[in-house]
Amino acid sequence: MYDLIVLGGGPAGYNAAERAAHKGLKTLVLEGRALGGVCLNEGCVPTKTLLYSAKIFDYTKHGDAYGVKCEGSSLDHAFVVGRKNKVVKQLTGGIAMQLKSAGADVVSEFGIIKGRDSEGFTVEAAGKEYKGARLLICTGSDALVPPIEGLRESVAGGFAMTNREILDMETVPERLTVIGGGVIGLEMASYFCSAGSKVTVVEMLDHIAGPTDGEISKILLKNYQKKGVNFILGAKVTKVGEGKVVYEKDGKAESVDADKVLVSIGRRAHTQGIGLENVGVLTERGAIVTDEYCRTSVPGIWAAGDVNGKSMLAHTAYREGEVAVANMLGGKERVNYLSIPSVIYTNPEVASVGETSESVKAKGIEAKTASVTLKYSGRYVAENEGGDGIVKLIVDKEHNRLIGVHMIGNYASEIIYGAAMMVEKEMRIDDVKKFVFPHPTVCEVIREAMFMI
């Protein structure tokens, strides 16, 4: 009999299991694939490994601007993929050791919820039953493959790929077409463009990067176009196959030739086939319904990570898993989704937290903004010849509180956590002005912007 059974060993599951075990709960993790989930095996970490190699290669191509001669440099894609696999193997092994050290049991099988009785829940895995007083569902998400004519057949035949398959592709396609201009699509477009592909991104919206602040999105688009990525915006893909992606734009059918296609139009919660119907867990649009305490509609069952469909980010999953465990043990912790940062790890990086110019308008929030060039930072100017990065602040007029921060430029991913803390703590501009930022750094532009709003 376990105190807690965790279904899924991704960021939400393995982190929560470790926390629970450290707090004295007898914990079992059921994971049918690899520990680390999508993030570690076919998402966050593998893509960052590829993108870092691309960044180094890009620097060699533009070294002349810094007085560095790098003639004849090249990117060995097969080597990069091999290094990616080494990094993943190292980190998955580390997770297994962490769970073992914490005292949590791990069974490498998928779990299916069979029912509930007076003692708790029964979960079956590979024909064996396990009993648990509580359940934490962390089964993650799957790449969405929409019912576009020929797409499923193209995925099955290898012409089209999801994020899973493209990360293991050992050759660089001459022509890569990406369906979807969100984070995954943009990161892969960036890498393969650097690696030598002729990349085209087809996006249904009239902008890239989804909910990213519009001003930042436009700067990012300009940087991608300068790099050589072609964008077809406001276009609906209608057919995939026979070396083409057919789309409709402005009422006309057009097509783009491709050697490979990446479909990256989003993800959906993995809730099918795990037995939710056997205990009556409520779902909505395929995702498990949870409150801010990560509780489901069934007492004793919590859900964290992509499976609840709220914020499909690994760091959100970490926090949700921790909140779930804390509340199982009598706590009253909650997840504040408005202060969760997001990052696009391309070159330049994009990082955001809180409200955007578009969201405050939609919500009717009276806000004031300030957009400041990163050239106010001596370090940024020294390290980014011709850089066009900015930091944008969004402030609630009524209380003079910081409610949104958006950046594009190097180091943005490492800076945004500080802005997220400011948003989480509902800090006023006058309070932040009193902070001392180190100099010369890029982050000090945030403070500079405070005096311009």
Foldseek 3Di string as FASTA:
>chain_A
DWQEEEFAQALLGLLLLLVLLLVPTAYEYEAQDAHHPCCLQQHVQLLVLLQVLLVVLVCQVVVVVVPDHNPPDARQQLVSLVVSVVRSVVVSVVSVVSSVVSNYHYDNFGWAWQAADPQDTWIDTPRDIDGHNFYEYEHAWDFDQDPAAARVVCCVVQQEHESNVVSNDNDQWQEEEEEAQAQVSVSVQQSSLSNHHQYEYEYQAQWHHPPAFPVVRVVVVVVSVVSRYHYDYNWAFRYDDPQWTWIAHPRDIDIDGGSHYYYHHDIAAPDPPRHCVRYVWDDDPQAGDADQLQDTPGPRYGYAECRNVDDNDSVRSSVSSNSNSCVVVPDDDGDDQQLDKDWRPHVFIKIKGFDHPVRCVVVVFDKDKFKAFLVVFPVQCSVPPVDGKIKMWIARPVQQWTGMIIITGPPNVVQSVVVSVSNVVRHHLVVLLPDDDDPRDSNCVVNVRSVVD
